[in-house]
Protein backbone atom coordinates (compact mmCIF):
# COMPACT_ATOMS: atom_id res chain seq x y z
CA MET A 1 -0.09 0.08 0.01
CA THR A 2 1.25 3.41 -0.93
CA GLU A 3 1.17 6.39 1.43
CA THR A 4 2.61 9.72 1.73
CA THR A 5 4.15 11.33 5.04
CA SER A 6 5.33 14.69 5.62
CA ILE A 7 8.11 15.88 7.83
CA LEU A 8 9.21 19.51 8.93
CA LEU A 9 13.11 19.72 9.37
CA GLU A 10 13.85 22.28 11.91
CA PRO A 11 15.71 24.69 12.44
CA SER A 12 15.14 25.86 8.88
CA ASN A 13 18.49 26.69 7.45
CA ASN A 14 18.96 27.12 3.74
CA ILE A 15 22.60 26.32 3.84
CA ARG A 16 21.95 22.92 5.56
CA LEU A 17 18.91 22.03 3.44
CA ALA A 18 20.97 22.57 0.27
CA ASN A 19 23.63 20.38 1.82
CA LEU A 20 20.93 17.83 2.59
CA CYS A 21 19.62 17.73 -0.89
CA GLY A 22 22.82 18.03 -2.84
CA SER A 23 23.43 19.65 -6.10
CA MET A 24 20.38 19.57 -8.27
CA ASP A 25 18.73 17.42 -5.36
CA GLY A 26 21.24 14.80 -6.25
CA HIS A 27 21.25 13.34 -2.61
CA LEU A 28 17.55 12.98 -2.62
CA ARG A 29 17.57 11.26 -6.16
CA ASP A 30 20.06 8.62 -4.65
CA ILE A 31 17.68 7.99 -1.71
CA GLU A 32 14.75 7.63 -4.16
CA LYS A 33 16.74 5.28 -6.31
CA ARG A 34 18.20 3.03 -3.53
CA ILE A 35 15.03 2.68 -1.48
CA GLY A 36 12.17 3.00 -4.02
CA VAL A 37 10.34 6.11 -2.73
CA GLU A 38 9.42 9.53 -4.22
CA ILE A 39 10.74 12.70 -2.19
CA THR A 40 9.49 16.21 -2.75
CA HIS A 41 10.18 19.42 -0.83
CA ARG A 42 9.39 22.93 -0.46
CA SER A 43 11.71 24.72 1.71
CA ASN A 44 12.16 22.71 4.98
CA GLU A 45 8.88 20.80 4.35
CA PHE A 46 9.42 17.33 2.83
CA GLN A 47 7.03 14.68 1.78
CA VAL A 48 7.87 11.09 1.26
CA THR A 49 5.65 8.81 -0.97
CA GLY A 50 6.05 5.12 -1.13
CA ASP A 51 5.35 1.80 0.39
CA ALA A 52 3.68 2.13 3.74
CA SER A 53 6.52 -0.07 5.26
CA VAL A 54 9.32 2.27 4.52
CA VAL A 55 8.04 5.90 4.41
CA THR A 56 8.20 6.54 8.07
CA ARG A 57 11.64 5.11 8.13
CA VAL A 58 12.79 7.30 5.42
CA THR A 59 11.49 10.50 7.13
CA GLU A 60 13.63 9.22 10.01
CA LEU A 61 16.64 8.87 7.71
CA LEU A 62 16.27 12.50 6.45
CA LYS A 63 16.17 13.63 10.12
CA ASP A 64 19.49 11.82 10.91
CA LEU A 65 20.92 13.29 7.55
CA TYR A 66 19.86 16.78 8.40
CA ALA A 67 21.36 16.41 11.90
CA ILE A 68 24.61 15.50 10.19
CA THR A 69 24.60 18.77 8.25
CA GLU A 70 24.79 20.73 11.45
CA LYS A 71 28.48 19.69 12.03
CA GLU A 72 29.82 18.57 8.55
CA THR A 73 29.11 18.62 4.95
CA LEU A 74 27.02 15.68 3.63
CA ASN A 75 29.06 13.99 0.80
CA GLY A 76 28.43 10.94 -1.29
CA GLU A 77 30.41 8.68 1.00
CA THR A 78 28.48 9.74 4.08
CA LEU A 79 25.25 9.32 2.37
CA HIS A 80 26.14 5.93 1.10
CA LEU A 81 27.19 4.72 4.54
CA ASN A 82 23.90 5.72 6.08
CA LEU A 83 21.92 4.36 3.15
CA GLN A 84 23.77 1.01 3.71
CA GLU A 85 22.75 1.02 7.55
CA PHE A 86 19.04 1.91 6.34
CA MET A 87 18.96 -0.98 4.04
CA HIS A 88 20.09 -3.48 6.68
CA GLU A 89 18.32 -1.90 9.62
CA LYS A 90 15.25 -4.23 9.82
CA TYR A 91 17.53 -7.28 9.87
CA SER A 92 19.62 -6.09 12.87
CA LYS A 93 17.09 -4.78 15.56
CA ASP A 94 18.01 -7.57 17.94
CA MET A 95 21.64 -6.71 17.94
CA ASP A 96 23.17 -5.20 21.10
CA LEU A 97 23.88 -1.67 19.92
CA ALA A 98 26.57 -1.20 22.43
CA SER A 99 28.56 -4.04 21.19
CA ALA A 100 27.97 -3.04 17.58
CA MET A 101 30.13 0.25 17.71
CA VAL A 102 33.54 1.28 18.77
CA ASN A 103 34.17 4.32 20.79
CA ILE A 104 37.55 5.87 20.32
CA ARG A 105 38.66 9.50 21.42
CA ARG A 106 38.15 10.93 17.84
CA GLY A 107 34.45 9.50 17.82
CA VAL A 108 32.17 6.61 17.25
CA ILE A 109 32.54 3.99 14.55
CA LYS A 110 29.62 2.00 13.99
CA GLY A 111 28.71 -1.25 12.06
CA ARG A 112 26.52 -0.44 9.22
CA SER A 113 25.43 -3.81 8.20
CA PRO A 114 24.30 -6.89 10.32
CA HIS A 115 27.62 -8.59 9.50
CA GLN A 116 29.65 -5.59 10.49
CA LYS A 117 27.72 -5.28 13.78
CA GLU A 118 28.07 -9.16 14.41
CA TYR A 119 31.92 -8.70 13.53
CA LEU A 120 32.42 -5.74 16.17
CA SER A 121 30.32 -7.90 18.68
CA ASN A 122 32.51 -10.93 18.14
CA MET A 123 35.78 -8.85 18.61
CA GLN A 124 34.48 -7.84 22.06
CA LYS A 125 33.27 -11.23 23.14
CA PHE A 126 35.81 -13.72 21.78
CA ASP A 127 39.64 -13.72 22.16
CA LEU A 128 40.01 -14.97 18.69
CA SER A 129 37.79 -13.74 15.75
CA PHE A 130 37.74 -14.18 11.96
CA GLY A 131 36.45 -11.81 9.57
CA VAL A 132 36.18 -13.10 5.99
CA GLY A 133 34.80 -11.72 2.84
CA PRO A 134 35.27 -9.56 -0.30
CA ALA A 135 37.06 -6.13 -0.47
CA GLY A 136 35.39 -3.07 0.76
CA THR A 137 33.48 -4.66 3.54
CA GLY A 138 35.29 -2.94 6.41
CA LYS A 139 37.17 -5.88 7.82
CA THR A 140 40.42 -4.23 8.40
CA TYR A 141 39.23 -0.94 9.21
CA LEU A 142 36.86 -2.15 11.84
CA ALA A 143 39.54 -4.38 13.25
CA VAL A 144 42.00 -1.54 13.72
CA ALA A 145 39.18 0.53 15.36
CA ALA A 146 38.54 -2.33 17.78
CA ALA A 147 42.32 -2.42 18.36
CA VAL A 148 42.55 1.45 18.90
CA GLN A 149 39.68 1.14 21.39
CA ALA A 150 41.24 -1.64 23.44
CA LEU A 151 44.55 0.36 23.46
CA GLU A 152 42.69 3.67 24.69
CA GLN A 153 40.78 1.73 27.33
CA GLU A 154 44.07 0.14 28.41
CA LYS A 155 42.63 -3.37 27.99
CA VAL A 156 45.87 -4.16 26.03
CA GLN A 157 49.42 -2.72 26.18
CA ARG A 158 50.46 -3.01 22.65
CA LEU A 159 48.98 -3.41 19.23
CA ILE A 160 50.69 -5.90 16.92
CA LEU A 161 49.49 -5.28 13.15
CA VAL A 162 50.61 -8.15 10.92
CA ARG A 163 50.37 -9.01 7.24
CA PRO A 164 52.09 -11.81 5.08
CA ALA A 165 54.34 -9.99 2.55
CA VAL A 166 53.03 -11.82 -0.43
CA GLU A 167 51.25 -10.00 -3.04
CA ALA A 168 50.67 -11.24 -6.75
CA GLY A 169 53.81 -13.51 -6.78
CA GLU A 170 56.37 -10.72 -5.42
CA LYS A 171 58.59 -11.53 -2.47
CA LEU A 172 60.25 -8.91 -0.20
CA GLY A 173 63.90 -10.00 -1.48
CA PHE A 174 62.99 -8.72 -4.98
CA LEU A 175 61.91 -5.31 -3.78
CA PRO A 176 64.37 -2.29 -3.34
CA GLY A 177 65.23 -0.59 -0.03
CA ASP A 178 65.72 -1.58 3.60
CA LEU A 179 63.06 -3.91 5.63
CA ALA A 180 60.88 -0.82 6.56
CA GLN A 181 60.59 0.15 3.00
CA LYS A 182 59.98 -3.31 1.72
CA VAL A 183 57.30 -3.84 4.30
CA ASP A 184 55.58 -0.40 3.88
CA PRO A 185 53.43 -1.22 0.57
CA TYR A 186 51.81 -4.12 2.32
CA ILE A 187 51.00 -2.34 5.43
CA ARG A 188 49.73 0.85 3.86
CA PRO A 189 46.10 0.22 4.52
CA ILE A 190 46.61 -0.33 8.23
CA TYR A 191 48.78 2.87 8.40
CA ASP A 192 45.71 4.77 6.70
CA ALA A 193 43.52 3.60 9.19
CA LEU A 194 45.65 4.30 12.32
CA TYR A 195 46.38 7.90 10.89
CA GLU A 196 42.64 8.46 10.68
CA MET A 197 41.73 7.22 14.17
CA LEU A 198 44.78 8.51 16.03
CA GLY A 199 46.42 11.15 14.03
CA PHE A 200 49.65 11.06 12.34
CA GLN A 201 51.86 12.38 14.99
CA GLN A 202 50.45 10.14 17.74
CA VAL A 203 50.83 6.92 15.41
CA ASN A 204 54.51 7.80 14.83
CA LYS A 205 55.04 8.26 18.56
CA LEU A 206 53.35 5.04 19.40
CA ILE A 207 55.46 3.25 16.92
CA GLU A 208 58.63 4.71 18.20
CA ASN A 209 57.78 3.66 21.70
CA ASN A 210 56.97 0.12 20.46
CA VAL A 211 53.30 0.66 21.56
CA ILE A 212 52.23 0.02 18.00
CA GLU A 213 54.33 -2.71 15.85
CA ILE A 214 53.72 -3.18 12.43
CA ALA A 215 55.53 -6.21 11.08
CA PRO A 216 55.46 -9.06 8.24
CA LEU A 217 54.31 -12.27 9.38
CA ALA A 218 57.57 -14.01 9.29
CA TYR A 219 58.74 -11.95 12.27
CA MET A 220 56.05 -13.57 14.48
CA ARG A 221 57.89 -16.92 14.73
CA GLY A 222 59.13 -17.76 18.31
CA ARG A 223 57.29 -15.07 20.04
CA SER A 224 54.64 -15.18 22.80
CA LEU A 225 52.58 -11.95 22.96
CA ASN A 226 50.89 -11.01 26.19
CA GLU A 227 48.19 -8.17 26.68
CA SER A 228 48.41 -7.38 23.07
CA PHE A 229 45.70 -6.82 20.33
CA ILE A 230 47.14 -8.91 17.38
CA LEU A 231 45.58 -8.49 13.91
CA LEU A 232 46.59 -10.49 10.87
CA ASP A 233 45.29 -8.92 7.80
CA GLU A 234 45.23 -10.38 4.31
CA ALA A 235 45.28 -13.78 5.84
CA GLN A 236 44.33 -15.63 2.70
CA ASN A 237 47.98 -15.37 1.62
CA THR A 238 49.24 -17.44 4.58
CA THR A 239 50.45 -20.99 4.30
CA ILE A 240 48.89 -23.51 6.40
CA GLU A 241 52.15 -23.54 8.57
CA GLN A 242 52.16 -19.79 8.83
CA MET A 243 48.63 -19.76 10.05
CA LYS A 244 49.35 -22.39 12.74
CA MET A 245 52.44 -20.55 13.77
CA PHE A 246 50.68 -17.26 14.10
CA LEU A 247 47.68 -18.59 15.88
CA THR A 248 49.81 -20.27 18.52
CA ARG A 249 51.46 -16.66 19.33
CA PHE A 250 48.48 -16.24 21.81
CA GLY A 251 49.61 -14.85 25.13
CA TYR A 252 47.65 -14.04 28.36
CA GLY A 253 45.31 -11.01 28.06
CA SER A 254 45.50 -10.80 24.45
CA LYS A 255 42.98 -10.67 21.52
CA VAL A 256 43.59 -11.90 18.09
CA VAL A 257 41.64 -10.89 14.89
CA VAL A 258 42.27 -12.50 11.51
CA THR A 259 40.98 -11.07 8.19
CA GLY A 260 40.96 -12.15 4.64
CA ASP A 261 39.30 -12.65 1.39
CA ILE A 262 39.45 -16.26 0.14
CA THR A 263 38.57 -15.33 -3.40
CA GLN A 264 42.01 -13.27 -3.71
CA ILE A 265 44.66 -15.69 -2.85
CA ASP A 266 48.10 -14.76 -4.36
CA LEU A 267 49.89 -17.86 -3.01
CA PRO A 268 51.56 -20.22 -5.55
CA ARG A 269 49.28 -22.97 -6.92
CA ASP A 270 50.82 -25.56 -4.94
CA LYS A 271 50.26 -23.92 -1.77
CA LYS A 272 46.85 -24.17 0.18
CA SER A 273 45.70 -21.09 1.91
CA GLY A 274 46.13 -21.05 5.74
CA LEU A 275 42.98 -19.16 6.19
CA LYS A 276 40.83 -21.53 4.19
CA HIS A 277 42.41 -24.44 6.24
CA ALA A 278 41.95 -22.63 9.73
CA LEU A 279 38.31 -22.04 8.77
CA SER A 280 37.81 -25.60 8.26
CA VAL A 281 39.69 -26.93 11.16
CA LEU A 282 38.33 -24.41 13.68
CA LYS A 283 34.79 -24.16 12.61
CA ASN A 284 33.39 -26.26 15.44
CA LEU A 285 35.14 -24.40 18.37
CA ASP A 286 32.47 -22.28 20.03
CA SER A 287 35.17 -19.99 21.71
CA ILE A 288 36.06 -18.42 18.46
CA GLY A 289 33.98 -15.85 16.60
CA PHE A 290 33.32 -16.19 12.85
CA THR A 291 31.87 -13.52 10.57
CA SER A 292 31.40 -14.02 6.78
CA PHE A 293 30.84 -10.78 4.77
CA ASP A 294 29.33 -10.71 1.23
CA SER A 295 28.69 -8.07 -1.39
CA LYS A 296 25.67 -6.64 0.59
CA ASP A 297 28.28 -5.51 3.24
CA VAL A 298 30.43 -3.27 0.89
CA VAL A 299 30.61 0.26 2.11
CA ARG A 300 32.91 1.67 -0.58
CA HIS A 301 31.54 3.32 -3.65
CA PRO A 302 28.33 1.65 -4.82
CA MET A 303 30.15 0.47 -7.95
CA VAL A 304 32.33 -1.66 -5.99
CA GLN A 305 29.48 -3.67 -4.56
CA LYS A 306 28.16 -4.13 -8.07
CA ILE A 307 31.58 -5.49 -9.14
CA VAL A 308 31.85 -7.88 -6.12
CA GLU A 309 28.26 -9.21 -6.92
CA ALA A 310 29.32 -9.64 -10.74
CA TYR A 311 32.37 -11.75 -9.64
CA GLU A 312 30.22 -13.83 -7.01
CA LYS A 313 27.66 -14.55 -9.77
CA ASP A 314 30.33 -15.56 -12.23
CA ASN A 315 32.15 -17.90 -9.80
CA LYS A 316 28.61 -19.70 -9.18
CA LYS A 317 28.43 -20.66 -12.95
CA PRO A 318 29.12 -24.33 -13.80
CA VAL A 319 32.59 -25.00 -15.18
CA LYS A 320 32.56 -26.01 -18.87
């Protein structure tokens, strides 16, 4: 059944209203296209027409977006993230909201989809968590956020951020520069997340003081890490032996998070992914958190979601 609901956005402010609507009402057209409603407005009075089951929720979405314009410019990325959350909202009402967000000094980071919320909840609940799925689903970003929160709340003393230095067949020995320069390209996504959450100077200071350690996987052998938050990123590129070695670095008071995308394995053909093996071997342990992401969890540009969905569809075709 179709119905129309009106809403008055206050206080009326032409600059904020222009920000909400976007250039040539572009933001409103995006909302209409994604949700399947019609939005009209005159000044600060808006009308939403569509299926009765969504129009009230869309008016609440407009209120939330208008509130954002009080402090910041509403851009395509912010709009996309809020729309992602809106699309998944009805499936995640039973989730404990406190466990589905991360509070750090620079603000609050929320899970936008049910899987993201489950992932954040698992990282708080379990000492070992796996987050597996396609690119753009927030696996690394949310894990770094959880690590920063644990450090700021003094639940851990150190952050150990690890990646296997294997990408598209290249090995460290063939790259120019010293160890730091060789490792840097592999660790860059983690650096970017840290800089956003802690600031450039603070991150560098914590690295200098060994509070944050960023290292290739090979440097974990022989260590036992206590009171640490340990993140293994791009874990699909570990071998079975490397994964076993990493998972046994567990120390007292530590949390371990493993992330990866089993559709993007860059290991030699004769090597089985340690991540795929671990998911199979450990799947029946109830003391481990497992979160499987899919294309619906992508929080990057909407085109990324469409690309991931196209590849997922292609992978399901029978082999000729």
